[in-house]
């Protein structure tokens, strides 16, 4: 058995669950920072490291290396949606594909750890003895989590890439009106709702 395989077996025994701690308009997900913070310390402990680069064809190359010199390489073709802001679409795709490249080569799934605590389905009352179902308690409004450093950098780069100054002014006014903020807009983009607004605005209102 190769040294890399032995180390990877030990890694699988020690690595924790990758939780879906980040929020988006379509639900929870595990962001790149969450994946890396979970796997990197355990990889290092077992003499493993992971790196990601691009080749001339813009494919994502993920390399798993062992201190023995053995390596394992995975190549993923970059899929970039046809957005109205090319830089923003590229950055979002890179982040997305990096997460999947890491999880794929390590044979991991970024998911919620239920620990066996799955809700039991409500029992069905017998015929003739049905009772109205109790009203569900009102759920609190979902939290608006802070952006990760990676998300802040992504959205800042997307705004800086806009060359039409009039468009930038319109965007800043729209953001300020939507979130009732004052001052420099880039300093106020701190929440997931801000991130979602920027994405939707740039996609729907091309300069």
Protein backbone atom coordinates (compact mmCIF):
# COMPACT_ATOMS: atom_id res chain seq x y z
CA UNK A 1 0.00 0.00 0.00
CA UNK A 2 1.36 3.44 -0.91
CA UNK A 3 2.25 5.97 1.78
CA UNK A 4 -0.30 8.44 0.38
CA UNK A 5 -3.06 5.83 0.62
CA UNK A 6 -2.12 5.03 4.22
CA UNK A 7 -2.16 8.72 5.13
CA UNK A 8 -5.50 9.24 3.39
CA UNK A 9 -7.01 6.32 5.34
CA UNK A 10 -5.86 7.95 8.59
CA UNK A 11 -7.24 11.28 7.41
CA UNK A 12 -10.69 9.75 6.82
CA UNK A 13 -10.70 8.34 10.35
CA UNK A 14 -9.93 11.73 11.90
CA UNK A 15 -11.60 14.40 9.75
CA UNK A 16 -14.77 15.98 11.10
CA UNK A 17 -18.03 16.79 9.35
CA UNK A 18 -18.08 19.75 6.97
CA UNK A 19 -21.10 21.76 8.05
CA UNK A 20 -23.30 23.95 5.89
CA UNK A 21 -22.71 27.13 7.86
CA UNK A 22 -22.99 29.64 5.01
CA UNK A 23 -26.33 31.00 3.85
CA UNK A 24 -27.56 31.87 0.36
CA UNK A 25 -30.91 32.69 -1.18
CA UNK A 26 -31.35 29.01 -2.11
CA UNK A 27 -30.46 27.61 1.31
CA UNK A 28 -27.45 26.65 3.40
CA UNK A 29 -24.16 25.47 1.96
CA UNK A 30 -20.56 24.80 3.00
CA UNK A 31 -18.39 27.62 1.70
CA UNK A 32 -14.73 27.31 0.70
CA UNK A 33 -13.50 28.71 4.02
CA UNK A 34 -15.57 26.13 5.91
CA UNK A 35 -14.21 23.26 3.82
CA UNK A 36 -10.59 24.37 4.20
CA UNK A 37 -10.82 25.03 7.94
CA UNK A 38 -12.11 21.47 8.42
CA UNK A 39 -9.71 19.53 6.21
CA UNK A 40 -6.37 21.40 6.27
CA UNK A 41 -5.40 20.74 9.93
CA UNK A 42 -6.14 17.00 9.57
CA UNK A 43 -4.33 16.78 6.23
CA UNK A 44 -1.24 18.42 7.74
CA UNK A 45 -1.36 16.10 10.75
CA UNK A 46 -1.08 13.13 8.39
CA UNK A 47 1.68 14.53 6.18
CA UNK A 48 -0.71 15.56 3.42
CA UNK A 49 -1.21 18.85 1.62
CA UNK A 50 -3.57 20.07 -1.08
CA UNK A 51 -2.98 22.71 -3.75
CA UNK A 52 -5.08 24.11 -6.60
CA UNK A 53 -3.89 25.74 -9.80
CA UNK A 54 -5.07 26.36 -13.37
CA UNK A 55 -3.61 25.04 -16.62
CA UNK A 56 -3.40 26.86 -19.95
CA UNK A 57 -6.95 25.74 -20.82
CA UNK A 58 -8.27 27.22 -17.55
CA UNK A 59 -8.98 23.78 -16.08
CA UNK A 60 -8.82 23.58 -12.29
CA UNK A 61 -6.00 21.28 -11.15
CA UNK A 62 -6.30 19.92 -7.61
CA UNK A 63 -3.21 18.10 -6.31
CA UNK A 64 -3.08 15.97 -3.16
CA UNK A 65 0.53 15.51 -2.03
CA UNK A 66 2.22 13.36 0.64
CA UNK A 67 5.55 14.04 2.34
CA UNK A 68 6.86 10.86 0.72
CA UNK A 69 6.66 12.60 -2.66
CA UNK A 70 3.59 10.73 -3.88
CA UNK A 71 0.83 12.81 -5.46
CA UNK A 72 -2.69 12.37 -6.75
CA UNK A 73 -4.11 14.83 -9.29
CA UNK A 74 -7.67 15.73 -10.26
CA UNK A 75 -8.59 17.94 -13.23
CA UNK A 76 -11.94 19.69 -13.48
CA UNK A 77 -13.03 21.76 -16.49
CA UNK A 78 -14.11 25.24 -15.37
CA UNK A 79 -17.78 25.93 -16.03
CA UNK A 80 -18.44 29.68 -16.12
CA UNK A 81 -22.05 30.80 -16.66
CA UNK A 82 -22.70 33.51 -19.22
CA UNK A 83 -23.25 36.40 -16.81
CA UNK A 84 -23.30 40.07 -17.64
CA UNK A 85 -20.21 40.69 -15.53
CA UNK A 86 -17.52 38.29 -16.76
CA UNK A 87 -15.16 38.85 -13.82
CA UNK A 88 -17.91 38.26 -11.28
CA UNK A 89 -19.06 35.08 -13.04
CA UNK A 90 -15.48 33.77 -13.20
CA UNK A 91 -14.79 34.48 -9.52
CA UNK A 92 -18.02 32.82 -8.40
CA UNK A 93 -17.26 29.77 -10.57
CA UNK A 94 -13.70 29.46 -9.21
CA UNK A 95 -14.94 29.47 -5.62
CA UNK A 96 -17.63 26.92 -6.41
CA UNK A 97 -15.35 24.56 -8.36
CA UNK A 98 -12.56 24.74 -5.77
CA UNK A 99 -14.94 23.45 -3.08
CA UNK A 100 -16.02 20.54 -5.24
CA UNK A 101 -12.47 19.79 -6.36
CA UNK A 102 -11.28 19.49 -2.75
CA UNK A 103 -14.22 17.38 -1.61
CA UNK A 104 -13.94 15.15 -4.67
CA UNK A 105 -10.24 14.28 -4.35
CA UNK A 106 -10.66 13.66 -0.60
CA UNK A 107 -13.88 11.66 -1.11
CA UNK A 108 -15.85 13.89 1.27
CA UNK A 109 -19.38 15.27 1.27
CA UNK A 110 -20.05 18.76 2.59
CA UNK A 111 -23.27 18.20 4.48
CA UNK A 112 -25.10 18.79 7.76
CA UNK A 113 -24.30 16.38 10.59
CA UNK A 114 -27.67 15.20 11.88
CA UNK A 115 -26.02 12.71 14.24
CA UNK A 116 -29.02 10.43 13.76
CA UNK A 117 -31.43 13.04 15.06
CA UNK A 118 -33.95 12.99 12.23
CA UNK A 119 -37.46 14.32 12.83
CA UNK A 120 -40.06 11.61 13.04
CA UNK A 121 -43.06 12.08 10.73
CA UNK A 122 -46.29 13.08 12.45
CA UNK A 123 -48.51 10.10 13.24
CA UNK A 124 -51.65 9.71 11.14
CA UNK A 125 -54.87 9.65 13.25
CA UNK A 126 -57.21 6.73 12.79
CA UNK A 127 -60.40 7.26 10.75
CA UNK A 128 -63.27 8.80 12.74
CA UNK A 129 -60.96 10.23 15.38
CA UNK A 130 -59.19 12.89 13.43
CA UNK A 131 -58.21 16.05 15.24
CA UNK A 132 -57.19 19.32 13.69
CA UNK A 133 -53.46 19.64 13.51
CA UNK A 134 -52.04 22.13 16.01
CA UNK A 135 -50.88 25.38 14.54
CA UNK A 136 -47.17 25.49 14.06
CA UNK A 137 -45.34 28.07 16.10
CA UNK A 138 -44.20 31.05 14.13
CA UNK A 139 -40.62 30.63 13.03
CA UNK A 140 -38.20 33.44 13.78
CA UNK A 141 -36.89 35.39 10.83
CA UNK A 142 -33.74 33.78 9.37
CA UNK A 143 -30.48 35.32 10.45
CA UNK A 144 -28.48 37.45 8.05
CA UNK A 145 -24.97 36.03 8.51
CA UNK A 146 -21.76 38.00 8.07
CA UNK A 147 -19.87 37.53 4.83
CA UNK A 148 -16.69 35.51 4.78
CA UNK A 149 -13.48 37.28 3.80
CA UNK A 150 -13.61 35.35 0.55
CA UNK A 151 -17.11 36.61 -0.28
CA UNK A 152 -16.17 40.20 0.56
CA UNK A 153 -13.16 40.02 -1.74
CA UNK A 154 -15.25 38.48 -4.53
CA UNK A 155 -17.95 41.16 -4.42
CA UNK A 156 -15.45 44.00 -4.04
CA UNK A 157 -13.55 42.82 -7.11
CA UNK A 158 -16.78 42.60 -9.08
CA UNK A 159 -17.65 46.23 -8.24
CA UNK A 160 -14.12 47.48 -8.97
CA UNK A 161 -14.27 45.83 -12.39
CA UNK A 162 -17.14 48.11 -13.47
CA UNK A 163 -15.75 50.72 -15.83
CA UNK A 164 -18.94 52.76 -16.36
CA UNK A 165 -18.85 55.39 -13.60
CA UNK A 166 -22.49 56.41 -14.08
CA UNK A 167 -23.47 52.79 -13.54
CA UNK A 168 -21.43 52.68 -10.33
CA UNK A 169 -23.26 55.80 -9.06
CA UNK A 170 -26.66 54.24 -9.84
CA UNK A 171 -25.65 51.02 -8.13
CA UNK A 172 -24.46 52.84 -4.99
CA UNK A 173 -27.71 54.81 -4.81
CA UNK A 174 -29.76 51.63 -5.21
CA UNK A 175 -27.77 49.85 -2.49
CA UNK A 176 -28.04 52.81 -0.09
CA UNK A 177 -31.79 53.08 -0.68
CA UNK A 178 -32.33 49.34 -0.25
CA UNK A 179 -30.42 48.99 3.03
CA UNK A 180 -30.73 52.55 4.42
CA UNK A 181 -26.99 53.01 4.80
CA UNK A 182 -24.70 56.01 4.49
CA UNK A 183 -21.03 56.35 3.66
CA UNK A 184 -18.91 54.27 1.32
CA UNK A 185 -20.93 51.38 -0.09
CA UNK A 186 -18.01 48.92 -0.12
CA UNK A 187 -17.63 49.38 3.65
CA UNK A 188 -21.30 48.51 4.15
CA UNK A 189 -21.29 45.23 2.22
CA UNK A 190 -20.97 42.95 5.23
CA UNK A 191 -24.04 40.67 5.24
CA UNK A 192 -25.33 37.84 3.08
CA UNK A 193 -28.32 39.95 2.05
CA UNK A 194 -25.91 42.62 0.77
CA UNK A 195 -23.99 39.99 -1.20
CA UNK A 196 -27.19 38.62 -2.76
CA UNK A 197 -28.32 42.14 -3.69
CA UNK A 198 -25.04 42.90 -5.48
CA UNK A 199 -25.20 39.62 -7.42
CA UNK A 200 -28.80 40.19 -8.50
CA UNK A 201 -28.23 43.86 -9.39
CA UNK A 202 -25.13 43.19 -11.50
CA UNK A 203 -26.88 40.35 -13.30
CA UNK A 204 -30.10 42.26 -14.00
CA UNK A 205 -28.68 45.72 -14.75
CA UNK A 206 -25.73 45.46 -17.11
CA UNK A 207 -23.79 48.73 -17.53
